[in-house]
Amino acid sequence: GAPLPYLKAFVDAPSSLQASLPLPLQP
């Protein structure tokens, strides 16, 4: 199905971990 604007991929963590894991997540 089509993407939904309110259900997106994101790193569910504080900003420090988010910064080290940019999306799309590579291997």
mmCIF file of all heavy atoms, coordinates in Angstrom:
data_MODEL
# 
_entry.id   MODEL 
# 
loop_
_atom_site.group_PDB 
_atom_site.id 
_atom_site.type_symbol 
_atom_site.label_atom_id 
_atom_site.label_alt_id 
_atom_site.label_comp_id 
_atom_site.label_asym_id 
_atom_site.label_entity_id 
_atom_site.label_seq_id 
_atom_site.pdbx_PDB_ins_code 
_atom_site.Cartn_x 
_atom_site.Cartn_y 
_atom_site.Cartn_z 
_atom_site.occupancy 
_atom_site.B_iso_or_equiv 
_atom_site.pdbx_formal_charge 
_atom_site.auth_seq_id 
_atom_site.auth_comp_id 
_atom_site.auth_asym_id 
_atom_site.auth_atom_id 
_atom_site.pdbx_PDB_model_num 
ATOM 1   N N   . GLY A 1 1  ? 0.816  -1.210 0.000  1.00 0.00 ? 1  GLY A N   1 
ATOM 2   C CA  . GLY A 1 1  ? 0.000  0.000  0.000  1.00 0.00 ? 1  GLY A CA  1 
ATOM 3   C C   . GLY A 1 1  ? 0.843  1.250  0.000  1.00 0.00 ? 1  GLY A C   1 
ATOM 4   O O   . GLY A 1 1  ? 2.072  1.213  0.179  1.00 0.00 ? 1  GLY A O   1 
ATOM 5   N N   . ALA A 1 2  ? 0.172  2.375  -0.207 1.00 0.00 ? 2  ALA A N   1 
ATOM 6   C CA  . ALA A 1 2  ? 0.857  3.663  -0.288 1.00 0.00 ? 2  ALA A CA  1 
ATOM 7   C C   . ALA A 1 2  ? 1.365  4.077  1.092  1.00 0.00 ? 2  ALA A C   1 
ATOM 8   O O   . ALA A 1 2  ? 0.766  3.746  2.116  1.00 0.00 ? 2  ALA A O   1 
ATOM 9   C CB  . ALA A 1 2  ? -0.101 4.715  -0.840 1.00 0.00 ? 2  ALA A CB  1 
ATOM 10  N N   . PRO A 1 3  ? 2.465  4.831  1.136  1.00 0.00 ? 3  PRO A N   1 
ATOM 11  C CA  . PRO A 1 3  ? 2.965  5.344  2.419  1.00 0.00 ? 3  PRO A CA  1 
ATOM 12  C C   . PRO A 1 3  ? 1.928  6.232  3.103  1.00 0.00 ? 3  PRO A C   1 
ATOM 13  O O   . PRO A 1 3  ? 1.087  6.846  2.443  1.00 0.00 ? 3  PRO A O   1 
ATOM 14  C CB  . PRO A 1 3  ? 4.205  6.152  2.015  1.00 0.00 ? 3  PRO A CB  1 
ATOM 15  C CG  . PRO A 1 3  ? 4.591  5.644  0.668  1.00 0.00 ? 3  PRO A CG  1 
ATOM 16  C CD  . PRO A 1 3  ? 3.322  5.223  0.003  1.00 0.00 ? 3  PRO A CD  1 
ATOM 17  N N   . LEU A 1 4  ? 1.984  6.287  4.426  1.00 0.00 ? 4  LEU A N   1 
ATOM 18  C CA  . LEU A 1 4  ? 1.124  7.167  5.203  1.00 0.00 ? 4  LEU A CA  1 
ATOM 19  C C   . LEU A 1 4  ? 1.986  8.267  5.815  1.00 0.00 ? 4  LEU A C   1 
ATOM 20  O O   . LEU A 1 4  ? 3.062  7.975  6.358  1.00 0.00 ? 4  LEU A O   1 
ATOM 21  C CB  . LEU A 1 4  ? 0.406  6.387  6.303  1.00 0.00 ? 4  LEU A CB  1 
ATOM 22  C CG  . LEU A 1 4  ? -0.626 5.366  5.815  1.00 0.00 ? 4  LEU A CG  1 
ATOM 23  C CD1 . LEU A 1 4  ? -1.185 4.575  6.988  1.00 0.00 ? 4  LEU A CD1 1 
ATOM 24  C CD2 . LEU A 1 4  ? -1.749 6.057  5.054  1.00 0.00 ? 4  LEU A CD2 1 
ATOM 25  N N   . PRO A 1 5  ? 1.549  9.517  5.751  1.00 0.00 ? 5  PRO A N   1 
ATOM 26  C CA  . PRO A 1 5  ? 2.408  10.626 6.190  1.00 0.00 ? 5  PRO A CA  1 
ATOM 27  C C   . PRO A 1 5  ? 2.744  10.604 7.673  1.00 0.00 ? 5  PRO A C   1 
ATOM 28  O O   . PRO A 1 5  ? 3.742  11.194 8.087  1.00 0.00 ? 5  PRO A O   1 
ATOM 29  C CB  . PRO A 1 5  ? 1.586  11.873 5.821  1.00 0.00 ? 5  PRO A CB  1 
ATOM 30  C CG  . PRO A 1 5  ? 0.175  11.394 5.701  1.00 0.00 ? 5  PRO A CG  1 
ATOM 31  C CD  . PRO A 1 5  ? 0.262  9.983  5.207  1.00 0.00 ? 5  PRO A CD  1 
ATOM 32  N N   . TYR A 1 6  ? 1.941  9.939  8.476  1.00 0.00 ? 6  TYR A N   1 
ATOM 33  C CA  . TYR A 1 6  ? 2.186  9.911  9.919  1.00 0.00 ? 6  TYR A CA  1 
ATOM 34  C C   . TYR A 1 6  ? 2.839  8.607  10.379 1.00 0.00 ? 6  TYR A C   1 
ATOM 35  O O   . TYR A 1 6  ? 3.031  8.406  11.576 1.00 0.00 ? 6  TYR A O   1 
ATOM 36  C CB  . TYR A 1 6  ? 0.876  10.139 10.679 1.00 0.00 ? 6  TYR A CB  1 
ATOM 37  C CG  . TYR A 1 6  ? -0.258 9.246  10.226 1.00 0.00 ? 6  TYR A CG  1 
ATOM 38  C CD1 . TYR A 1 6  ? -0.382 7.948  10.707 1.00 0.00 ? 6  TYR A CD1 1 
ATOM 39  C CD2 . TYR A 1 6  ? -1.198 9.691  9.312  1.00 0.00 ? 6  TYR A CD2 1 
ATOM 40  C CE1 . TYR A 1 6  ? -1.404 7.114  10.286 1.00 0.00 ? 6  TYR A CE1 1 
ATOM 41  C CE2 . TYR A 1 6  ? -2.241 8.869  8.885  1.00 0.00 ? 6  TYR A CE2 1 
ATOM 42  C CZ  . TYR A 1 6  ? -2.335 7.594  9.372  1.00 0.00 ? 6  TYR A CZ  1 
ATOM 43  O OH  . TYR A 1 6  ? -3.352 6.777  8.952  1.00 0.00 ? 6  TYR A OH  1 
ATOM 44  N N   . LEU A 1 7  ? 3.160  7.710  9.448  1.00 0.00 ? 7  LEU A N   1 
ATOM 45  C CA  . LEU A 1 7  ? 3.858  6.461  9.789  1.00 0.00 ? 7  LEU A CA  1 
ATOM 46  C C   . LEU A 1 7  ? 5.129  6.382  8.955  1.00 0.00 ? 7  LEU A C   1 
ATOM 47  O O   . LEU A 1 7  ? 5.148  5.780  7.883  1.00 0.00 ? 7  LEU A O   1 
ATOM 48  C CB  . LEU A 1 7  ? 2.965  5.239  9.550  1.00 0.00 ? 7  LEU A CB  1 
ATOM 49  C CG  . LEU A 1 7  ? 1.803  5.027  10.511 1.00 0.00 ? 7  LEU A CG  1 
ATOM 50  C CD1 . LEU A 1 7  ? 0.966  3.820  10.101 1.00 0.00 ? 7  LEU A CD1 1 
ATOM 51  C CD2 . LEU A 1 7  ? 2.282  4.877  11.948 1.00 0.00 ? 7  LEU A CD2 1 
ATOM 52  N N   . LYS A 1 8  ? 6.161  7.033  9.439  1.00 0.00 ? 8  LYS A N   1 
ATOM 53  C CA  . LYS A 1 8  ? 7.434  7.110  8.734  1.00 0.00 ? 8  LYS A CA  1 
ATOM 54  C C   . LYS A 1 8  ? 8.541  6.448  9.557  1.00 0.00 ? 8  LYS A C   1 
ATOM 55  O O   . LYS A 1 8  ? 8.459  6.359  10.787 1.00 0.00 ? 8  LYS A O   1 
ATOM 56  C CB  . LYS A 1 8  ? 7.814  8.575  8.480  1.00 0.00 ? 8  LYS A CB  1 
ATOM 57  C CG  . LYS A 1 8  ? 6.838  9.324  7.583  1.00 0.00 ? 8  LYS A CG  1 
ATOM 58  C CD  . LYS A 1 8  ? 6.883  8.806  6.167  1.00 0.00 ? 8  LYS A CD  1 
ATOM 59  C CE  . LYS A 1 8  ? 6.066  9.677  5.227  1.00 0.00 ? 8  LYS A CE  1 
ATOM 60  N NZ  . LYS A 1 8  ? 6.021  9.131  3.860  1.00 0.00 ? 8  LYS A NZ  1 
ATOM 61  N N   . ALA A 1 9  ? 9.584  6.029  8.857  1.00 0.00 ? 9  ALA A N   1 
ATOM 62  C CA  . ALA A 1 9  ? 10.746 5.461  9.543  1.00 0.00 ? 9  ALA A CA  1 
ATOM 63  C C   . ALA A 1 9  ? 11.522 6.573  10.253 1.00 0.00 ? 9  ALA A C   1 
ATOM 64  O O   . ALA A 1 9  ? 11.711 7.663  9.705  1.00 0.00 ? 9  ALA A O   1 
ATOM 65  C CB  . ALA A 1 9  ? 11.648 4.756  8.543  1.00 0.00 ? 9  ALA A CB  1 
ATOM 66  N N   . PHE A 1 10 ? 11.956 6.301  11.482 1.00 0.00 ? 10 PHE A N   1 
ATOM 67  C CA  . PHE A 1 10 ? 12.835 7.224  12.216 1.00 0.00 ? 10 PHE A CA  1 
ATOM 68  C C   . PHE A 1 10 ? 13.535 6.451  13.322 1.00 0.00 ? 10 PHE A C   1 
ATOM 69  O O   . PHE A 1 10 ? 13.028 5.431  13.800 1.00 0.00 ? 10 PHE A O   1 
ATOM 70  C CB  . PHE A 1 10 ? 12.060 8.416  12.793 1.00 0.00 ? 10 PHE A CB  1 
ATOM 71  C CG  . PHE A 1 10 ? 11.079 8.059  13.881 1.00 0.00 ? 10 PHE A CG  1 
ATOM 72  C CD1 . PHE A 1 10 ? 11.454 8.083  15.223 1.00 0.00 ? 10 PHE A CD1 1 
ATOM 73  C CD2 . PHE A 1 10 ? 9.773  7.690  13.570 1.00 0.00 ? 10 PHE A CD2 1 
ATOM 74  C CE1 . PHE A 1 10 ? 10.557 7.754  16.227 1.00 0.00 ? 10 PHE A CE1 1 
ATOM 75  C CE2 . PHE A 1 10 ? 8.867  7.355  14.566 1.00 0.00 ? 10 PHE A CE2 1 
ATOM 76  C CZ  . PHE A 1 10 ? 9.270  7.390  15.902 1.00 0.00 ? 10 PHE A CZ  1 
ATOM 77  N N   . VAL A 1 11 ? 14.709 6.946  13.694 1.00 0.00 ? 11 VAL A N   1 
ATOM 78  C CA  . VAL A 1 11 ? 15.445 6.333  14.796 1.00 0.00 ? 11 VAL A CA  1 
ATOM 79  C C   . VAL A 1 11 ? 14.791 6.774  16.092 1.00 0.00 ? 11 VAL A C   1 
ATOM 80  O O   . VAL A 1 11 ? 14.696 7.969  16.383 1.00 0.00 ? 11 VAL A O   1 
ATOM 81  C CB  . VAL A 1 11 ? 16.930 6.725  14.759 1.00 0.00 ? 11 VAL A CB  1 
ATOM 82  C CG1 . VAL A 1 11 ? 17.661 6.169  15.985 1.00 0.00 ? 11 VAL A CG1 1 
ATOM 83  C CG2 . VAL A 1 11 ? 17.571 6.205  13.470 1.00 0.00 ? 11 VAL A CG2 1 
ATOM 84  N N   . ASP A 1 12 ? 14.307 5.813  16.872 1.00 0.00 ? 12 ASP A N   1 
ATOM 85  C CA  . ASP A 1 12 ? 13.535 6.091  18.085 1.00 0.00 ? 12 ASP A CA  1 
ATOM 86  C C   . ASP A 1 12 ? 14.488 6.189  19.264 1.00 0.00 ? 12 ASP A C   1 
ATOM 87  O O   . ASP A 1 12 ? 14.590 5.274  20.094 1.00 0.00 ? 12 ASP A O   1 
ATOM 88  C CB  . ASP A 1 12 ? 12.506 4.977  18.293 1.00 0.00 ? 12 ASP A CB  1 
ATOM 89  C CG  . ASP A 1 12 ? 11.478 5.323  19.360 1.00 0.00 ? 12 ASP A CG  1 
ATOM 90  O OD1 . ASP A 1 12 ? 11.406 6.495  19.753 1.00 0.00 ? 12 ASP A OD1 1 
ATOM 91  O OD2 . ASP A 1 12 ? 10.753 4.404  19.787 1.00 0.00 ? 12 ASP A OD2 1 
ATOM 92  N N   . ALA A 1 13 ? 15.185 7.307  19.326 1.00 0.00 ? 13 ALA A N   1 
ATOM 93  C CA  . ALA A 1 13 ? 16.259 7.447  20.310 1.00 0.00 ? 13 ALA A CA  1 
ATOM 94  C C   . ALA A 1 13 ? 16.579 8.931  20.497 1.00 0.00 ? 13 ALA A C   1 
ATOM 95  O O   . ALA A 1 13 ? 16.136 9.776  19.701 1.00 0.00 ? 13 ALA A O   1 
ATOM 96  C CB  . ALA A 1 13 ? 17.505 6.705  19.826 1.00 0.00 ? 13 ALA A CB  1 
ATOM 97  N N   . PRO A 1 14 ? 17.342 9.274  21.516 1.00 0.00 ? 14 PRO A N   1 
ATOM 98  C CA  . PRO A 1 14 ? 17.790 10.656 21.667 1.00 0.00 ? 14 PRO A CA  1 
ATOM 99  C C   . PRO A 1 14 ? 18.576 11.119 20.439 1.00 0.00 ? 14 PRO A C   1 
ATOM 100 O O   . PRO A 1 14 ? 19.072 10.319 19.647 1.00 0.00 ? 14 PRO A O   1 
ATOM 101 C CB  . PRO A 1 14 ? 18.673 10.593 22.922 1.00 0.00 ? 14 PRO A CB  1 
ATOM 102 C CG  . PRO A 1 14 ? 18.165 9.405  23.679 1.00 0.00 ? 14 PRO A CG  1 
ATOM 103 C CD  . PRO A 1 14 ? 17.761 8.420  22.639 1.00 0.00 ? 14 PRO A CD  1 
ATOM 104 N N   . SER A 1 15 ? 18.714 12.437 20.312 1.00 0.00 ? 15 SER A N   1 
ATOM 105 C CA  . SER A 1 15 ? 19.309 13.029 19.111 1.00 0.00 ? 15 SER A CA  1 
ATOM 106 C C   . SER A 1 15 ? 20.733 12.553 18.855 1.00 0.00 ? 15 SER A C   1 
ATOM 107 O O   . SER A 1 15 ? 21.168 12.468 17.702 1.00 0.00 ? 15 SER A O   1 
ATOM 108 C CB  . SER A 1 15 ? 19.280 14.555 19.211 1.00 0.00 ? 15 SER A CB  1 
ATOM 109 O OG  . SER A 1 15 ? 19.940 14.993 20.395 1.00 0.00 ? 15 SER A OG  1 
ATOM 110 N N   . SER A 1 16 ? 21.474 12.216 19.908 1.00 0.00 ? 16 SER A N   1 
ATOM 111 C CA  . SER A 1 16 ? 22.852 11.775 19.710 1.00 0.00 ? 16 SER A CA  1 
ATOM 112 C C   . SER A 1 16 ? 22.920 10.489 18.906 1.00 0.00 ? 16 SER A C   1 
ATOM 113 O O   . SER A 1 16 ? 23.748 10.347 17.991 1.00 0.00 ? 16 SER A O   1 
ATOM 114 C CB  . SER A 1 16 ? 23.549 11.589 21.064 1.00 0.00 ? 16 SER A CB  1 
ATOM 115 O OG  . SER A 1 16 ? 22.811 10.663 21.870 1.00 0.00 ? 16 SER A OG  1 
ATOM 116 N N   . LEU A 1 17 ? 22.051 9.535  19.217 1.00 0.00 ? 17 LEU A N   1 
ATOM 117 C CA  . LEU A 1 17 ? 22.031 8.284  18.458 1.00 0.00 ? 17 LEU A CA  1 
ATOM 118 C C   . LEU A 1 17 ? 21.423 8.505  17.081 1.00 0.00 ? 17 LEU A C   1 
ATOM 119 O O   . LEU A 1 17 ? 21.882 7.921  16.091 1.00 0.00 ? 17 LEU A O   1 
ATOM 120 C CB  . LEU A 1 17 ? 21.253 7.211  19.218 1.00 0.00 ? 17 LEU A CB  1 
ATOM 121 C CG  . LEU A 1 17 ? 21.267 5.805  18.588 1.00 0.00 ? 17 LEU A CG  1 
ATOM 122 C CD1 . LEU A 1 17 ? 22.704 5.289  18.443 1.00 0.00 ? 17 LEU A CD1 1 
ATOM 123 C CD2 . LEU A 1 17 ? 20.437 4.822  19.405 1.00 0.00 ? 17 LEU A CD2 1 
ATOM 124 N N   . GLN A 1 18 ? 20.421 9.363  16.986 1.00 0.00 ? 18 GLN A N   1 
ATOM 125 C CA  . GLN A 1 18 ? 19.831 9.665  15.684 1.00 0.00 ? 18 GLN A CA  1 
ATOM 126 C C   . GLN A 1 18 ? 20.884 10.216 14.723 1.00 0.00 ? 18 GLN A C   1 
ATOM 127 O O   . GLN A 1 18 ? 20.915 9.850  13.543 1.00 0.00 ? 18 GLN A O   1 
ATOM 128 C CB  . GLN A 1 18 ? 18.695 10.684 15.833 1.00 0.00 ? 18 GLN A CB  1 
ATOM 129 C CG  . GLN A 1 18 ? 17.448 10.135 16.494 1.00 0.00 ? 18 GLN A CG  1 
ATOM 130 C CD  . GLN A 1 18 ? 16.330 11.169 16.539 1.00 0.00 ? 18 GLN A CD  1 
ATOM 131 O OE1 . GLN A 1 18 ? 16.464 12.275 16.021 1.00 0.00 ? 18 GLN A OE1 1 
ATOM 132 N NE2 . GLN A 1 18 ? 15.226 10.818 17.172 1.00 0.00 ? 18 GLN A NE2 1 
ATOM 133 N N   . ALA A 1 19 ? 21.739 11.094 15.234 1.00 0.00 ? 19 ALA A N   1 
ATOM 134 C CA  . ALA A 1 19 ? 22.747 11.720 14.376 1.00 0.00 ? 19 ALA A CA  1 
ATOM 135 C C   . ALA A 1 19 ? 23.737 10.704 13.822 1.00 0.00 ? 19 ALA A C   1 
ATOM 136 O O   . ALA A 1 19 ? 24.268 10.869 12.721 1.00 0.00 ? 19 ALA A O   1 
ATOM 137 C CB  . ALA A 1 19 ? 23.482 12.809 15.156 1.00 0.00 ? 19 ALA A CB  1 
ATOM 138 N N   . SER A 1 20 ? 23.996 9.647  14.564 1.00 0.00 ? 20 SER A N   1 
ATOM 139 C CA  . SER A 1 20 ? 24.968 8.647  14.121 1.00 0.00 ? 20 SER A CA  1 
ATOM 140 C C   . SER A 1 20 ? 24.359 7.585  13.216 1.00 0.00 ? 20 SER A C   1 
ATOM 141 O O   . SER A 1 20 ? 25.085 6.756  12.672 1.00 0.00 ? 20 SER A O   1 
ATOM 142 C CB  . SER A 1 20 ? 25.609 7.968  15.337 1.00 0.00 ? 20 SER A CB  1 
ATOM 143 O OG  . SER A 1 20 ? 24.650 7.214  16.063 1.00 0.00 ? 20 SER A OG  1 
ATOM 144 N N   . LEU A 1 21 ? 23.019 7.641  13.039 1.00 0.00 ? 21 LEU A N   1 
ATOM 145 C CA  . LEU A 1 21 ? 22.329 6.619  12.249 1.00 0.00 ? 21 LEU A CA  1 
ATOM 146 C C   . LEU A 1 21 ? 21.373 7.284  11.259 1.00 0.00 ? 21 LEU A C   1 
ATOM 147 O O   . LEU A 1 21 ? 20.149 7.221  11.400 1.00 0.00 ? 21 LEU A O   1 
ATOM 148 C CB  . LEU A 1 21 ? 21.556 5.671  13.160 1.00 0.00 ? 21 LEU A CB  1 
ATOM 149 C CG  . LEU A 1 21 ? 22.381 4.804  14.113 1.00 0.00 ? 21 LEU A CG  1 
ATOM 150 C CD1 . LEU A 1 21 ? 21.485 4.113  15.128 1.00 0.00 ? 21 LEU A CD1 1 
ATOM 151 C CD2 . LEU A 1 21 ? 23.190 3.774  13.338 1.00 0.00 ? 21 LEU A CD2 1 
ATOM 152 N N   . PRO A 1 22 ? 21.895 7.954  10.239 1.00 0.00 ? 22 PRO A N   1 
ATOM 153 C CA  . PRO A 1 22 ? 21.009 8.594  9.255  1.00 0.00 ? 22 PRO A CA  1 
ATOM 154 C C   . PRO A 1 22 ? 20.222 7.552  8.464  1.00 0.00 ? 22 PRO A C   1 
ATOM 155 O O   . PRO A 1 22 ? 20.710 6.460  8.193  1.00 0.00 ? 22 PRO A O   1 
ATOM 156 C CB  . PRO A 1 22 ? 21.984 9.361  8.358  1.00 0.00 ? 22 PRO A CB  1 
ATOM 157 C CG  . PRO A 1 22 ? 23.285 8.629  8.494  1.00 0.00 ? 22 PRO A CG  1 
ATOM 158 C CD  . PRO A 1 22 ? 23.325 8.120  9.906  1.00 0.00 ? 22 PRO A CD  1 
ATOM 159 N N   . LEU A 1 23 ? 19.002 7.928  8.104  1.00 0.00 ? 23 LEU A N   1 
ATOM 160 C CA  . LEU A 1 23 ? 18.153 7.068  7.298  1.00 0.00 ? 23 LEU A CA  1 
ATOM 161 C C   . LEU A 1 23 ? 18.172 7.527  5.839  1.00 0.00 ? 23 LEU A C   1 
ATOM 162 O O   . LEU A 1 23 ? 18.330 8.711  5.576  1.00 0.00 ? 23 LEU A O   1 
ATOM 163 C CB  . LEU A 1 23 ? 16.718 7.078  7.831  1.00 0.00 ? 23 LEU A CB  1 
ATOM 164 C CG  . LEU A 1 23 ? 16.503 6.603  9.273  1.00 0.00 ? 23 LEU A CG  1 
ATOM 165 C CD1 . LEU A 1 23 ? 15.019 6.543  9.598  1.00 0.00 ? 23 LEU A CD1 1 
ATOM 166 C CD2 . LEU A 1 23 ? 17.151 5.258  9.515  1.00 0.00 ? 23 LEU A CD2 1 
ATOM 167 N N   . PRO A 1 24 ? 18.031 6.639  4.864  1.00 0.00 ? 24 PRO A N   1 
ATOM 168 C CA  . PRO A 1 24 ? 17.783 5.202  5.043  1.00 0.00 ? 24 PRO A CA  1 
ATOM 169 C C   . PRO A 1 24 ? 18.982 4.491  5.656  1.00 0.00 ? 24 PRO A C   1 
ATOM 170 O O   . PRO A 1 24 ? 20.129 4.805  5.334  1.00 0.00 ? 24 PRO A O   1 
ATOM 171 C CB  . PRO A 1 24 ? 17.495 4.707  3.628  1.00 0.00 ? 24 PRO A CB  1 
ATOM 172 C CG  . PRO A 1 24 ? 18.161 5.693  2.731  1.00 0.00 ? 24 PRO A CG  1 
ATOM 173 C CD  . PRO A 1 24 ? 18.081 7.007  3.432  1.00 0.00 ? 24 PRO A CD  1 
ATOM 174 N N   . LEU A 1 25 ? 18.698 3.552  6.527  1.00 0.00 ? 25 LEU A N   1 
ATOM 175 C CA  . LEU A 1 25 ? 19.732 2.858  7.270  1.00 0.00 ? 25 LEU A CA  1 
ATOM 176 C C   . LEU A 1 25 ? 20.494 1.910  6.353  1.00 0.00 ? 25 LEU A C   1 
ATOM 177 O O   . LEU A 1 25 ? 19.917 1.013  5.745  1.00 0.00 ? 25 LEU A O   1 
ATOM 178 C CB  . LEU A 1 25 ? 19.088 2.076  8.414  1.00 0.00 ? 25 LEU A CB  1 
ATOM 179 C CG  . LEU A 1 25 ? 19.929 1.769  9.652  1.00 0.00 ? 25 LEU A CG  1 
ATOM 180 C CD1 . LEU A 1 25 ? 20.460 3.045  10.284 1.00 0.00 ? 25 LEU A CD1 1 
ATOM 181 C CD2 . LEU A 1 25 ? 19.093 0.988  10.664 1.00 0.00 ? 25 LEU A CD2 1 
ATOM 182 N N   . GLN A 1 26 ? 21.773 2.147  6.212  1.00 0.00 ? 26 GLN A N   1 
ATOM 183 C CA  . GLN A 1 26 ? 22.625 1.290  5.390  1.00 0.00 ? 26 GLN A CA  1 
ATOM 184 C C   . GLN A 1 26 ? 23.047 0.057  6.197  1.00 0.00 ? 26 GLN A C   1 
ATOM 185 O O   . GLN A 1 26 ? 22.906 0.024  7.422  1.00 0.00 ? 26 GLN A O   1 
ATOM 186 C CB  . GLN A 1 26 ? 23.847 2.066  4.928  1.00 0.00 ? 26 GLN A CB  1 
ATOM 187 C CG  . GLN A 1 26 ? 23.521 3.304  4.110  1.00 0.00 ? 26 GLN A CG  1 
ATOM 188 C CD  . GLN A 1 26 ? 22.708 2.986  2.875  1.00 0.00 ? 26 GLN A CD  1 
ATOM 189 O OE1 . GLN A 1 26 ? 23.023 2.052  2.135  1.00 0.00 ? 26 GLN A OE1 1 
ATOM 190 N NE2 . GLN A 1 26 ? 21.637 3.752  2.647  1.00 0.00 ? 26 GLN A NE2 1 
ATOM 191 N N   . PRO A 1 27 ? 23.584 -0.979 5.527  1.00 0.00 ? 27 PRO A N   1 
ATOM 192 C CA  . PRO A 1 27 ? 23.971 -2.199 6.258  1.00 0.00 ? 27 PRO A CA  1 
ATOM 193 C C   . PRO A 1 27 ? 24.896 -1.932 7.440  1.00 0.00 ? 27 PRO A C   1 
ATOM 194 O O   . PRO A 1 27 ? 24.735 -2.527 8.512  1.00 0.00 ? 27 PRO A O   1 
ATOM 195 C CB  . PRO A 1 27 ? 24.645 -3.048 5.181  1.00 0.00 ? 27 PRO A CB  1 
ATOM 196 C CG  . PRO A 1 27 ? 23.984 -2.622 3.905  1.00 0.00 ? 27 PRO A CG  1 
ATOM 197 C CD  . PRO A 1 27 ? 23.714 -1.165 4.069  1.00 0.00 ? 27 PRO A CD  1 
# 
